[in-house]
């Protein structure tokens, strides 16, 4: 998991570099981002790739699938966007800066549904794969922050 302190903190650069490095070393990698903001200039690439993650897909060398990015916000104005969720929801949301979305305008039920869609997608992206959790990461660390993600059974 790559976390940053805010917008323009090079999260995409680092994650794409890691995906490329690990893929070149023969590891099976799968990009995932719960929600992404796609600006006008990137929209054609995103739609052509079938994902909000075209750079990540190229770096990982994998095809697009619906699990990789369950919620995409297409920027429609300077500070607005249209959120499209994998569960079929579509909503206008504020986009206060380049990669930040204000979900407080959504109802509690809608936000919960969006979180559940992200959980389902995250679980679906690792089913049938071997997962390695670095120290201080993984289900225990995520659960303490309320994510409730569980490690799939090893086969």
C-alpha atoms as a PDB file:
ATOM      1  CA  UNK A   1       0.000   0.000   0.000  1.00  0.00           C
ATOM      2  CA  UNK A   2       1.371   3.408  -0.961  1.00  0.00           C
ATOM      3  CA  UNK A   3       0.167   6.325   1.154  1.00  0.00           C
ATOM      4  CA  UNK A   4       1.030  10.000   0.769  1.00  0.00           C
ATOM      5  CA  UNK A   5       0.579  13.138   2.804  1.00  0.00           C
ATOM      6  CA  UNK A   6      -1.757  14.688   0.236  1.00  0.00           C
ATOM      7  CA  UNK A   7      -2.162  15.722  -3.374  1.00  0.00           C
ATOM      8  CA  UNK A   8       0.982  15.843  -5.512  1.00  0.00           C
ATOM      9  CA  UNK A   9       3.064  13.767  -3.101  1.00  0.00           C
ATOM     10  CA  UNK A  10       4.226  11.379  -5.878  1.00  0.00           C
ATOM     11  CA  UNK A  11       2.068   8.397  -4.868  1.00  0.00           C
ATOM     12  CA  UNK A  12       1.399   7.459  -8.497  1.00  0.00           C
ATOM     13  CA  UNK A  13       5.063   7.807  -9.480  1.00  0.00           C
ATOM     14  CA  UNK A  14       6.148   5.539  -6.632  1.00  0.00           C
ATOM     15  CA  UNK A  15       3.401   2.945  -7.154  1.00  0.00           C
ATOM     16  CA  UNK A  16       4.005   2.744 -10.915  1.00  0.00           C
ATOM     17  CA  UNK A  17       7.757   2.358 -10.312  1.00  0.00           C
ATOM     18  CA  UNK A  18       7.152  -0.428  -7.779  1.00  0.00           C
ATOM     19  CA  UNK A  19       4.720  -2.217 -10.102  1.00  0.00           C
ATOM     20  CA  UNK A  20       7.224  -2.065 -12.966  1.00  0.00           C
ATOM     21  CA  UNK A  21      10.131  -3.210 -10.796  1.00  0.00           C
ATOM     22  CA  UNK A  22       8.253  -6.147  -9.283  1.00  0.00           C
ATOM     23  CA  UNK A  23       6.771  -7.210 -12.639  1.00  0.00           C
ATOM     24  CA  UNK A  24      10.236  -7.158 -14.230  1.00  0.00           C
ATOM     25  CA  UNK A  25      11.479  -9.366 -11.408  1.00  0.00           C
ATOM     26  CA  UNK A  26       8.842 -11.931 -12.350  1.00  0.00           C
ATOM     27  CA  UNK A  27       6.348 -11.246  -9.581  1.00  0.00           C
ATOM     28  CA  UNK A  28       2.640 -11.278 -10.350  1.00  0.00           C
ATOM     29  CA  UNK A  29       1.426  -7.805  -9.405  1.00  0.00           C
ATOM     30  CA  UNK A  30      -2.057  -6.319  -9.415  1.00  0.00           C
ATOM     31  CA  UNK A  31      -2.697  -2.568  -9.250  1.00  0.00           C
ATOM     32  CA  UNK A  32      -5.580  -1.401  -7.075  1.00  0.00           C
ATOM     33  CA  UNK A  33      -6.933   1.992  -6.099  1.00  0.00           C
ATOM     34  CA  UNK A  34     -10.270   2.361  -4.295  1.00  0.00           C
ATOM     35  CA  UNK A  35     -11.043   5.738  -5.845  1.00  0.00           C
ATOM     36  CA  UNK A  36      -9.292   7.787  -8.490  1.00  0.00           C
ATOM     37  CA  UNK A  37      -9.835  11.255  -9.943  1.00  0.00           C
ATOM     38  CA  UNK A  38      -9.408  11.370 -13.715  1.00  0.00           C
ATOM     39  CA  UNK A  39      -8.861  14.809 -15.213  1.00  0.00           C
ATOM     40  CA  UNK A  40      -9.892  15.720 -18.750  1.00  0.00           C
ATOM     41  CA  UNK A  41      -6.530  15.092 -20.379  1.00  0.00           C
ATOM     42  CA  UNK A  42      -6.361  11.568 -18.893  1.00  0.00           C
ATOM     43  CA  UNK A  43      -9.967  10.581 -19.567  1.00  0.00           C
ATOM     44  CA  UNK A  44      -9.353   9.214 -23.086  1.00  0.00           C
ATOM     45  CA  UNK A  45      -6.462   7.035 -21.823  1.00  0.00           C
ATOM     46  CA  UNK A  46      -8.570   5.789 -18.916  1.00  0.00           C
ATOM     47  CA  UNK A  47     -11.542   4.885 -21.082  1.00  0.00           C
ATOM     48  CA  UNK A  48      -9.300   3.228 -23.701  1.00  0.00           C
ATOM     49  CA  UNK A  49      -7.608   1.149 -20.996  1.00  0.00           C
ATOM     50  CA  UNK A  50     -10.961   0.234 -19.442  1.00  0.00           C
ATOM     51  CA  UNK A  51      -9.679   1.458 -16.098  1.00  0.00           C
ATOM     52  CA  UNK A  52      -8.842   4.599 -14.183  1.00  0.00           C
ATOM     53  CA  UNK A  53      -5.331   3.182 -13.868  1.00  0.00           C
ATOM     54  CA  UNK A  54      -3.816   3.132 -17.380  1.00  0.00           C
ATOM     55  CA  UNK A  55      -0.241   3.879 -16.220  1.00  0.00           C
ATOM     56  CA  UNK A  56      -0.442   1.269 -13.484  1.00  0.00           C
ATOM     57  CA  UNK A  57      -1.724  -1.372 -15.925  1.00  0.00           C
ATOM     58  CA  UNK A  58       1.128  -0.717 -18.338  1.00  0.00           C
ATOM     59  CA  UNK A  59       3.706  -0.887 -15.553  1.00  0.00           C
ATOM     60  CA  UNK A  60       2.270  -4.136 -14.159  1.00  0.00           C
ATOM     61  CA  UNK A  61       1.742  -5.677 -17.597  1.00  0.00           C
ATOM     62  CA  UNK A  62      -1.791  -6.794 -16.761  1.00  0.00           C
ATOM     63  CA  UNK A  63      -5.147  -6.231 -18.482  1.00  0.00           C
ATOM     64  CA  UNK A  64      -7.877  -4.079 -16.969  1.00  0.00           C
ATOM     65  CA  UNK A  65     -10.508  -5.681 -14.780  1.00  0.00           C
ATOM     66  CA  UNK A  66     -13.348  -4.174 -12.730  1.00  0.00           C
ATOM     67  CA  UNK A  67     -11.693  -4.989  -9.397  1.00  0.00           C
ATOM     68  CA  UNK A  68      -8.749  -2.630  -9.920  1.00  0.00           C
ATOM     69  CA  UNK A  69     -10.576   0.660  -9.552  1.00  0.00           C
ATOM     70  CA  UNK A  70     -14.138   0.390  -8.233  1.00  0.00           C
ATOM     71  CA  UNK A  71     -14.806   4.146  -8.138  1.00  0.00           C
ATOM     72  CA  UNK A  72     -13.732   6.718 -10.719  1.00  0.00           C
ATOM     73  CA  UNK A  73     -14.391  10.446 -10.527  1.00  0.00           C
ATOM     74  CA  UNK A  74     -14.306  12.130 -13.921  1.00  0.00           C
ATOM     75  CA  UNK A  75     -13.604  15.803 -13.378  1.00  0.00           C
ATOM     76  CA  UNK A  76     -16.414  17.856 -14.940  1.00  0.00           C
ATOM     77  CA  UNK A  77     -15.360  21.316 -13.812  1.00  0.00           C
ATOM     78  CA  UNK A  78     -12.642  23.174 -11.960  1.00  0.00           C
ATOM     79  CA  UNK A  79     -13.793  21.828  -8.564  1.00  0.00           C
ATOM     80  CA  UNK A  80     -16.487  19.268  -9.477  1.00  0.00           C
ATOM     81  CA  UNK A  81     -16.611  15.714 -10.706  1.00  0.00           C
ATOM     82  CA  UNK A  82     -18.941  12.839 -11.546  1.00  0.00           C
ATOM     83  CA  UNK A  83     -18.305   9.769  -9.371  1.00  0.00           C
ATOM     84  CA  UNK A  84     -19.091   6.450 -11.067  1.00  0.00           C
ATOM     85  CA  UNK A  85     -19.041   3.428  -8.786  1.00  0.00           C
ATOM     86  CA  UNK A  86     -18.738  -0.236  -9.777  1.00  0.00           C
ATOM     87  CA  UNK A  87     -22.023  -0.853  -7.948  1.00  0.00           C
ATOM     88  CA  UNK A  88     -23.811   1.320 -10.516  1.00  0.00           C
ATOM     89  CA  UNK A  89     -23.998   4.502  -8.467  1.00  0.00           C
ATOM     90  CA  UNK A  90     -23.332   7.819 -10.151  1.00  0.00           C
ATOM     91  CA  UNK A  91     -23.098  11.104  -8.239  1.00  0.00           C
ATOM     92  CA  UNK A  92     -21.781  14.655  -8.534  1.00  0.00           C
ATOM     93  CA  UNK A  93     -19.091  15.341  -5.930  1.00  0.00           C
ATOM     94  CA  UNK A  94     -16.780  18.229  -5.015  1.00  0.00           C
ATOM     95  CA  UNK A  95     -13.134  17.840  -6.089  1.00  0.00           C
ATOM     96  CA  UNK A  96     -11.331  20.447  -3.926  1.00  0.00           C
ATOM     97  CA  UNK A  97      -7.873  19.641  -5.387  1.00  0.00           C
ATOM     98  CA  UNK A  98      -6.357  17.456  -8.077  1.00  0.00           C
ATOM     99  CA  UNK A  99      -6.695  14.065  -6.366  1.00  0.00           C
ATOM    100  CA  UNK A 100      -9.023  14.684  -3.442  1.00  0.00           C
ATOM    101  CA  UNK A 101     -12.767  14.027  -3.408  1.00  0.00           C
ATOM    102  CA  UNK A 102     -15.216  15.324  -0.794  1.00  0.00           C
ATOM    103  CA  UNK A 103     -17.592  12.437  -0.101  1.00  0.00           C
ATOM    104  CA  UNK A 104     -19.377  14.263   2.734  1.00  0.00           C
ATOM    105  CA  UNK A 105     -22.065  15.337   0.243  1.00  0.00           C
ATOM    106  CA  UNK A 106     -23.172  11.701  -0.061  1.00  0.00           C
ATOM    107  CA  UNK A 107     -25.636  10.179   2.390  1.00  0.00           C
ATOM    108  CA  UNK A 108     -24.299   7.883   5.117  1.00  0.00           C
ATOM    109  CA  UNK A 109     -25.874   4.914   3.362  1.00  0.00           C
ATOM    110  CA  UNK A 110     -24.268   5.831   0.047  1.00  0.00           C
ATOM    111  CA  UNK A 111     -20.836   6.272   1.665  1.00  0.00           C
ATOM    112  CA  UNK A 112     -21.207   2.882   3.383  1.00  0.00           C
ATOM    113  CA  UNK A 113     -22.158   1.296   0.039  1.00  0.00           C
ATOM    114  CA  UNK A 114     -19.089   2.876  -1.578  1.00  0.00           C
ATOM    115  CA  UNK A 115     -16.822   1.514   1.186  1.00  0.00           C
ATOM    116  CA  UNK A 116     -18.384  -1.947   0.802  1.00  0.00           C
ATOM    117  CA  UNK A 117     -17.806  -1.806  -2.964  1.00  0.00           C
ATOM    118  CA  UNK A 118     -14.139  -0.917  -2.334  1.00  0.00           C
ATOM    119  CA  UNK A 119     -13.797  -3.786   0.169  1.00  0.00           C
ATOM    120  CA  UNK A 120     -15.346  -6.239  -2.268  1.00  0.00           C
ATOM    121  CA  UNK A 121     -13.044  -5.025  -5.031  1.00  0.00           C
ATOM    122  CA  UNK A 122      -9.943  -5.218  -2.828  1.00  0.00           C
ATOM    123  CA  UNK A 123     -10.834  -8.754  -1.794  1.00  0.00           C
ATOM    124  CA  UNK A 124     -11.636  -9.713  -5.402  1.00  0.00           C
ATOM    125  CA  UNK A 125      -8.302  -8.404  -6.629  1.00  0.00           C
ATOM    126  CA  UNK A 126      -6.334 -10.774  -4.377  1.00  0.00           C
ATOM    127  CA  UNK A 127      -8.513 -13.901  -4.465  1.00  0.00           C
ATOM    128  CA  UNK A 128      -6.493 -16.805  -5.765  1.00  0.00           C
ATOM    129  CA  UNK A 129      -3.181 -15.010  -5.331  1.00  0.00           C
ATOM    130  CA  UNK A 130      -0.436 -15.328  -2.774  1.00  0.00           C
ATOM    131  CA  UNK A 131      -0.332 -12.251  -0.570  1.00  0.00           C
ATOM    132  CA  UNK A 132       2.798 -11.118   1.242  1.00  0.00           C
ATOM    133  CA  UNK A 133       2.242  -8.613   4.049  1.00  0.00           C
ATOM    134  CA  UNK A 134       5.338  -6.613   5.124  1.00  0.00           C
ATOM    135  CA  UNK A 135       5.817  -6.107   8.885  1.00  0.00           C
ATOM    136  CA  UNK A 136       3.380  -3.545  10.246  1.00  0.00           C
ATOM    137  CA  UNK A 137       0.994  -3.984   7.315  1.00  0.00           C
ATOM    138  CA  UNK A 138      -1.770  -6.341   6.374  1.00  0.00           C
ATOM    139  CA  UNK A 139      -5.057  -7.282   8.024  1.00  0.00           C
ATOM    140  CA  UNK A 140      -4.017  -6.514  11.615  1.00  0.00           C
ATOM    141  CA  UNK A 141      -2.854  -2.989  10.782  1.00  0.00           C
ATOM    142  CA  UNK A 142      -5.804  -2.333   8.469  1.00  0.00           C
ATOM    143  CA  UNK A 143      -8.348  -3.638  10.972  1.00  0.00           C
ATOM    144  CA  UNK A 144      -7.105  -1.281  13.673  1.00  0.00           C
ATOM    145  CA  UNK A 145      -8.117   1.573  11.345  1.00  0.00           C
ATOM    146  CA  UNK A 146     -11.553   0.053  10.705  1.00  0.00           C
ATOM    147  CA  UNK A 147     -11.020  -1.381   7.212  1.00  0.00           C
ATOM    148  CA  UNK A 148     -12.004  -4.931   8.197  1.00  0.00           C
ATOM    149  CA  UNK A 149     -10.030  -6.575   5.370  1.00  0.00           C
ATOM    150  CA  UNK A 150      -9.136 -10.197   5.964  1.00  0.00           C
ATOM    151  CA  UNK A 151      -6.339 -12.157   4.355  1.00  0.00           C
ATOM    152  CA  UNK A 152      -7.554 -14.762   1.856  1.00  0.00           C
ATOM    153  CA  UNK A 153      -6.834 -18.392   2.706  1.00  0.00           C
ATOM    154  CA  UNK A 154      -3.523 -19.626   1.316  1.00  0.00           C
ATOM    155  CA  UNK A 155      -3.744 -22.497  -1.133  1.00  0.00           C
END
